[in-house]
């Protein structure tokens, strides 16, 4: 609610309505097409990350990726990542926990790449607003710490498992054995990028996916006649997506629009036009993936309500008898 207030503050609704009325919405169709190209690249990346867990092709992963986006859009605290792991595990008979580990690696590299895009784009167009500088500083510190900690803890498989087993030792004895096996599966997923070739492929695909998605934002901008550079769209993409790290309902509604509007206003775009663009841009990202995700989940015969009430189960290989 705070970000929604900040988004509409000092912007008259009439200005936003006028901008809506002058926009050319035919540009939204190619923007959606470009967005799905970015999603396809992410499926290729996820397929690479999944190799230690299971050999699943990118086309097969596409449905699960869309389901995850849909659930993230409709559920709080990015619960779509858990939904994606559970649905894939059920249908492909693979470890849900190891799958969740690969998704965690995805998100770590996504955040790192967004910080990189934010910093690089600022070299071309500047921040223009101290709040954007604050986003850049906070996110840089956060992901440098996260990336360093990740590699230090998981560089050695033996050390990673030893740490997980030590943490499992704090659980009641009847749960310790189960938690130990779950921890081993999690380490398997987390260590999916410790081969340097894999890491380079994941970095390259991450950069490609976000750059293509920035192109989708640029196509939407043509419909509004914004007249800003591609570097501004890269900065908008990075700032808006880093802002929605804050858990909210409905796919980051509020922080996304606030950060996107901030970038455009710093580029000299009028407040009403910047606000209208931000709302439509988020809708283009939000609506198609949500509708398609619900359709795919329905075709699988799975209820979103039921799946959200389940804990992350483990496969038969991860189950051990309790002594």
Protein backbone atom coordinates (compact mmCIF):
# COMPACT_ATOMS: atom_id res chain seq x y z
CA UNK A 1 0.00 0.00 0.00
CA UNK A 2 2.90 2.37 0.75
CA UNK A 3 4.32 1.96 -2.76
CA UNK A 4 0.90 2.37 -4.36
CA UNK A 5 0.53 5.66 -2.47
CA UNK A 6 4.01 6.77 -3.55
CA UNK A 7 3.20 5.81 -7.13
CA UNK A 8 0.05 7.98 -7.35
CA UNK A 9 1.38 10.83 -5.21
CA UNK A 10 1.80 14.12 -7.09
CA UNK A 11 0.23 12.65 -10.25
CA UNK A 12 -3.26 13.77 -11.21
CA UNK A 13 -5.55 10.92 -12.36
CA UNK A 14 -6.55 13.02 -15.37
CA UNK A 15 -2.94 13.04 -16.60
CA UNK A 16 -2.81 9.25 -16.39
CA UNK A 17 -6.17 8.90 -18.15
CA UNK A 18 -5.02 11.20 -20.96
CA UNK A 19 -1.87 9.13 -21.43
CA UNK A 20 -3.95 5.95 -21.58
CA UNK A 21 -6.15 7.53 -24.24
CA UNK A 22 -3.22 8.53 -26.46
CA UNK A 23 -1.34 5.20 -26.32
CA UNK A 24 -1.17 2.84 -29.29
CA UNK A 25 -2.04 -0.56 -27.82
CA UNK A 26 -1.17 -2.51 -30.99
CA UNK A 27 2.44 -2.41 -29.78
CA UNK A 28 1.47 -4.60 -26.84
CA UNK A 29 1.08 -7.67 -29.09
CA UNK A 30 4.70 -7.76 -30.33
CA UNK A 31 5.83 -6.88 -26.81
CA UNK A 32 4.12 -10.05 -25.52
CA UNK A 33 5.85 -12.03 -28.27
CA UNK A 34 9.26 -10.64 -27.25
CA UNK A 35 8.46 -11.43 -23.61
CA UNK A 36 7.82 -15.07 -24.47
CA UNK A 37 11.15 -15.24 -26.28
CA UNK A 38 12.76 -14.17 -22.99
CA UNK A 39 10.78 -16.88 -21.16
CA UNK A 40 12.00 -19.47 -23.68
CA UNK A 41 15.61 -18.47 -23.00
CA UNK A 42 14.96 -18.92 -19.28
CA UNK A 43 13.64 -22.43 -19.96
CA UNK A 44 16.91 -23.29 -21.72
CA UNK A 45 18.81 -21.98 -18.70
CA UNK A 46 16.63 -23.96 -16.28
CA UNK A 47 17.17 -27.12 -18.32
CA UNK A 48 20.92 -26.67 -17.87
CA UNK A 49 20.54 -26.10 -14.12
CA UNK A 50 18.32 -29.20 -13.84
CA UNK A 51 20.90 -31.55 -15.41
CA UNK A 52 22.30 -32.82 -12.08
CA UNK A 53 18.70 -33.56 -10.98
CA UNK A 54 17.03 -34.81 -14.20
CA UNK A 55 17.44 -34.46 -17.94
CA UNK A 56 14.35 -32.42 -18.89
CA UNK A 57 14.19 -30.55 -22.19
CA UNK A 58 13.37 -26.80 -22.35
CA UNK A 59 10.01 -27.37 -24.13
CA UNK A 60 8.88 -29.67 -21.29
CA UNK A 61 9.97 -27.11 -18.71
CA UNK A 62 8.05 -24.28 -20.37
CA UNK A 63 4.70 -25.25 -18.81
CA UNK A 64 6.19 -25.41 -15.32
CA UNK A 65 7.94 -22.08 -15.83
CA UNK A 66 4.65 -20.41 -16.78
CA UNK A 67 2.88 -22.01 -13.81
CA UNK A 68 5.54 -20.53 -11.56
CA UNK A 69 5.05 -17.07 -13.03
CA UNK A 70 1.29 -17.36 -12.65
CA UNK A 71 1.55 -18.42 -9.00
CA UNK A 72 4.05 -15.63 -8.26
CA UNK A 73 1.55 -13.18 -9.72
CA UNK A 74 -1.33 -14.43 -7.58
CA UNK A 75 0.34 -15.52 -4.34
CA UNK A 76 2.40 -13.57 -1.77
CA UNK A 77 6.08 -13.95 -0.92
CA UNK A 78 7.02 -15.45 -4.33
CA UNK A 79 5.30 -18.72 -3.43
CA UNK A 80 5.22 -19.53 -7.13
CA UNK A 81 8.74 -20.93 -6.85
CA UNK A 82 7.46 -23.61 -4.47
CA UNK A 83 4.41 -24.26 -6.66
CA UNK A 84 6.68 -24.70 -9.69
CA UNK A 85 8.89 -27.21 -7.83
CA UNK A 86 5.91 -29.18 -6.50
CA UNK A 87 4.07 -29.43 -9.84
CA UNK A 88 7.22 -30.41 -11.74
CA UNK A 89 8.14 -32.96 -9.07
CA UNK A 90 4.70 -34.55 -9.17
CA UNK A 91 4.51 -34.83 -12.95
CA UNK A 92 8.15 -35.64 -13.76
CA UNK A 93 8.85 -37.79 -10.67
CA UNK A 94 11.96 -35.86 -9.64
CA UNK A 95 13.11 -34.43 -6.34
CA UNK A 96 11.07 -31.38 -5.39
CA UNK A 97 13.77 -30.23 -2.99
CA UNK A 98 16.59 -30.47 -5.55
CA UNK A 99 14.36 -28.68 -8.07
CA UNK A 100 13.78 -25.93 -5.53
CA UNK A 101 17.56 -25.68 -5.19
CA UNK A 102 17.94 -25.04 -8.94
CA UNK A 103 15.21 -22.39 -8.76
CA UNK A 104 17.11 -20.73 -5.92
CA UNK A 105 20.21 -20.62 -8.12
CA UNK A 106 18.10 -19.11 -10.92
CA UNK A 107 16.92 -16.33 -8.67
CA UNK A 108 20.43 -15.65 -7.38
CA UNK A 109 21.77 -15.22 -10.92
CA UNK A 110 18.73 -13.18 -11.94
CA UNK A 111 19.28 -10.75 -9.08
CA UNK A 112 23.00 -10.50 -9.81
CA UNK A 113 22.34 -9.82 -13.50
CA UNK A 114 19.74 -7.16 -12.67
CA UNK A 115 22.24 -5.37 -10.43
CA UNK A 116 24.77 -5.55 -13.27
CA UNK A 117 22.27 -4.08 -15.76
CA UNK A 118 21.33 -1.32 -13.33
CA UNK A 119 24.95 -0.31 -12.79
CA UNK A 120 25.92 -0.54 -16.47
CA UNK A 121 22.88 1.43 -17.67
CA UNK A 122 23.67 4.13 -15.10
CA UNK A 123 27.04 4.65 -16.80
CA UNK A 124 25.17 5.72 -19.96
CA UNK A 125 22.21 7.69 -18.59
CA UNK A 126 23.00 8.32 -14.92
CA UNK A 127 20.64 7.65 -12.05
CA UNK A 128 18.99 11.06 -12.01
CA UNK A 129 17.35 10.36 -8.65
CA UNK A 130 18.92 9.56 -5.31
CA UNK A 131 16.26 6.90 -4.67
CA UNK A 132 17.54 4.97 -7.69
CA UNK A 133 21.04 5.26 -6.25
CA UNK A 134 19.70 3.81 -3.01
CA UNK A 135 18.14 0.86 -4.88
CA UNK A 136 21.45 0.29 -6.66
CA UNK A 137 23.49 0.46 -3.45
CA UNK A 138 21.18 -1.77 -1.40
CA UNK A 139 20.78 -4.39 -4.14
CA UNK A 140 24.52 -4.44 -4.90
CA UNK A 141 25.37 -5.08 -1.25
CA UNK A 142 22.62 -7.70 -0.96
CA UNK A 143 23.62 -9.74 -4.00
CA UNK A 144 27.37 -9.47 -3.48
CA UNK A 145 26.86 -10.94 -0.01
CA UNK A 146 24.41 -13.55 -1.32
CA UNK A 147 26.64 -14.64 -4.23
CA UNK A 148 29.78 -14.77 -2.08
CA UNK A 149 28.03 -16.72 0.66
CA UNK A 150 26.54 -19.12 -1.87
CA UNK A 151 29.88 -20.00 -3.44
CA UNK A 152 31.76 -20.19 -0.14
CA UNK A 153 29.19 -22.56 1.36
CA UNK A 154 28.66 -24.75 -1.70
CA UNK A 155 32.09 -24.75 -3.36
CA UNK A 156 32.83 -28.07 -1.68
CA UNK A 157 30.04 -30.66 -1.82
CA UNK A 158 31.40 -32.37 1.29
CA UNK A 159 31.51 -29.11 3.22
CA UNK A 160 28.02 -28.12 2.05
CA UNK A 161 26.56 -31.45 3.14
CA UNK A 162 28.44 -31.29 6.44
CA UNK A 163 26.93 -27.86 7.12
CA UNK A 164 23.41 -29.04 6.19
CA UNK A 165 23.76 -32.14 8.37
CA UNK A 166 24.97 -30.00 11.27
CA UNK A 167 21.89 -27.77 10.93
CA UNK A 168 19.67 -30.87 10.71
CA UNK A 169 21.15 -31.98 14.03
CA UNK A 170 19.20 -29.24 15.79
CA UNK A 171 15.92 -30.91 14.82
CA UNK A 172 14.19 -33.56 16.94
CA UNK A 173 15.78 -37.00 16.47
CA UNK A 174 12.74 -38.43 14.66
CA UNK A 175 13.08 -35.70 11.99
CA UNK A 176 16.86 -35.55 11.75
CA UNK A 177 17.32 -38.52 9.37
CA UNK A 178 14.62 -37.22 7.01
CA UNK A 179 16.07 -33.70 7.09
CA UNK A 180 19.56 -35.02 6.34
CA UNK A 181 18.40 -36.72 3.14
CA UNK A 182 16.42 -33.65 2.12
CA UNK A 183 19.53 -31.54 2.70
CA UNK A 184 21.55 -33.78 0.39
CA UNK A 185 18.96 -33.25 -2.37
CA UNK A 186 19.07 -29.49 -1.80
CA UNK A 187 22.86 -29.45 -2.11
CA UNK A 188 22.53 -31.31 -5.43
CA UNK A 189 20.37 -28.52 -6.83
CA UNK A 190 22.43 -25.70 -5.34
CA UNK A 191 25.68 -27.02 -6.82
CA UNK A 192 24.34 -27.01 -10.39
CA UNK A 193 26.60 -24.09 -11.45
CA UNK A 194 29.92 -25.12 -9.94
CA UNK A 195 31.24 -26.37 -13.27
CA UNK A 196 32.77 -23.33 -15.02
CA UNK A 197 31.22 -24.19 -18.39
CA UNK A 198 27.78 -24.41 -16.82
CA UNK A 199 28.32 -21.15 -14.97
CA UNK A 200 29.30 -19.34 -18.19
CA UNK A 201 26.25 -20.71 -20.01
CA UNK A 202 23.96 -19.68 -17.16
CA UNK A 203 25.49 -16.19 -17.04
CA UNK A 204 25.18 -15.78 -20.81
CA UNK A 205 21.58 -16.99 -20.91
CA UNK A 206 20.68 -14.79 -17.92
CA UNK A 207 22.06 -11.73 -19.68
CA UNK A 208 20.29 -12.70 -22.92
CA UNK A 209 16.93 -13.25 -21.17
CA UNK A 210 16.96 -9.91 -19.36
CA UNK A 211 18.19 -8.00 -22.40
CA UNK A 212 15.39 -9.48 -24.54
CA UNK A 213 12.88 -8.62 -21.82
CA UNK A 214 14.18 -5.04 -21.80
CA UNK A 215 13.41 -5.03 -25.54
CA UNK A 216 9.80 -5.91 -24.68
CA UNK A 217 9.66 -2.84 -22.42
CA UNK A 218 11.09 -0.78 -25.28
CA UNK A 219 8.37 -2.00 -27.67
CA UNK A 220 5.71 -0.99 -25.13
CA UNK A 221 7.44 2.39 -24.92
CA UNK A 222 6.94 2.87 -28.67
CA UNK A 223 3.22 2.64 -28.08
CA UNK A 224 3.46 5.52 -25.60
CA UNK A 225 5.96 7.56 -27.62
CA UNK A 226 8.33 7.88 -24.66
CA UNK A 227 11.41 8.71 -26.73
CA UNK A 228 13.93 7.41 -24.17
CA UNK A 229 17.03 5.32 -24.86
CA UNK A 230 17.39 1.55 -24.57
CA UNK A 231 19.65 2.14 -21.56
CA UNK A 232 16.68 3.73 -19.79
CA UNK A 233 14.60 0.62 -20.47
CA UNK A 234 17.40 -1.56 -19.07
CA UNK A 235 17.50 0.63 -15.96
CA UNK A 236 13.68 0.52 -15.71
CA UNK A 237 13.68 -3.27 -16.01
CA UNK A 238 16.40 -3.66 -13.38
CA UNK A 239 15.01 -1.16 -10.86
CA UNK A 240 11.41 -2.41 -11.14
CA UNK A 241 12.36 -6.07 -10.77
CA UNK A 242 14.77 -5.42 -7.91
CA UNK A 243 12.02 -3.42 -6.18
CA UNK A 244 9.65 -6.41 -6.21
CA UNK A 245 12.06 -8.45 -4.12
CA UNK A 246 9.91 -6.95 -1.36
CA UNK A 247 7.13 -9.56 -0.85
CA UNK A 248 3.76 -8.25 -2.01
CA UNK A 249 0.51 -9.61 -3.40
CA UNK A 250 -0.30 -9.68 -7.12
CA UNK A 251 3.11 -9.96 -8.70
CA UNK A 252 4.80 -7.00 -7.04
CA UNK A 253 2.04 -4.49 -7.80
CA UNK A 254 3.09 -1.21 -6.19
CA UNK A 255 6.90 -1.48 -5.98
CA UNK A 256 7.14 -2.34 -9.69
CA UNK A 257 5.12 0.68 -10.87
CA UNK A 258 6.80 3.02 -8.37
CA UNK A 259 10.33 2.10 -9.50
CA UNK A 260 9.44 2.15 -13.21
CA UNK A 261 7.84 5.57 -12.90
CA UNK A 262 10.87 6.83 -10.99
CA UNK A 263 13.23 5.83 -13.81
CA UNK A 264 11.08 7.44 -16.50
CA UNK A 265 10.59 10.67 -14.58
CA UNK A 266 14.35 10.89 -14.04
CA UNK A 267 14.63 10.64 -17.85
CA UNK A 268 12.31 13.65 -18.26
CA UNK A 269 9.06 11.79 -19.02
CA UNK A 270 5.98 13.60 -17.60
CA UNK A 271 4.55 12.03 -14.44
CA UNK A 272 1.18 11.08 -15.95
CA UNK A 273 2.74 9.46 -19.00
CA UNK A 274 5.31 7.63 -16.86
CA UNK A 275 2.55 6.35 -14.57
CA UNK A 276 0.38 5.13 -17.46
CA UNK A 277 3.32 3.35 -19.10
CA UNK A 278 4.28 1.65 -15.82
CA UNK A 279 0.76 0.30 -15.31
CA UNK A 280 0.49 -1.05 -18.86
CA UNK A 281 4.02 -2.49 -18.86
CA UNK A 282 3.28 -4.43 -15.69
CA UNK A 283 -0.03 -5.60 -17.14
CA UNK A 284 1.74 -6.93 -20.26
CA UNK A 285 4.12 -8.89 -18.02
CA UNK A 286 1.39 -9.95 -15.57
CA UNK A 287 -1.75 -10.83 -17.53
CA UNK A 288 -0.61 -13.21 -20.34
CA UNK A 289 1.53 -15.39 -18.04
CA UNK A 290 -1.21 -15.50 -15.40
CA UNK A 291 -3.93 -16.56 -17.85
CA UNK A 292 -1.71 -19.10 -19.62
CA UNK A 293 -0.46 -20.48 -16.30
CA UNK A 294 -4.01 -21.02 -15.02
CA UNK A 295 -4.97 -22.74 -18.28
CA UNK A 296 -1.96 -25.08 -18.11
CA UNK A 297 -2.59 -25.88 -14.44
CA UNK A 298 -6.25 -26.62 -15.25
CA UNK A 299 -5.18 -28.88 -18.14
CA UNK A 300 -2.98 -30.79 -15.67
CA UNK A 301 -6.04 -31.31 -13.44
CA UNK A 302 -4.35 -29.53 -10.52
CA UNK A 303 -5.99 -27.03 -8.18
CA UNK A 304 -3.89 -23.99 -7.25
CA UNK A 305 -5.65 -23.86 -3.89
CA UNK A 306 -4.78 -27.47 -3.13
CA UNK A 307 -1.17 -27.18 -4.25
CA UNK A 308 -0.59 -24.12 -2.05
CA UNK A 309 -1.77 -26.05 1.00
CA UNK A 310 0.80 -28.79 0.50
CA UNK A 311 4.26 -28.75 1.97
CA UNK A 312 7.15 -29.43 -0.41
CA UNK A 313 7.07 -33.25 -0.50
CA UNK A 314 10.05 -35.48 -1.23
CA UNK A 315 10.44 -38.34 -3.64
CA UNK A 316 10.62 -41.96 -2.63
CA UNK A 317 14.41 -41.85 -3.00
CA UNK A 318 14.57 -39.08 -0.41
CA UNK A 319 12.38 -40.86 2.12
CA UNK A 320 14.06 -42.83 4.86
CA UNK A 321 12.41 -44.89 7.58
CA UNK A 322 12.21 -43.23 10.96
CA UNK A 323 13.89 -45.31 13.61
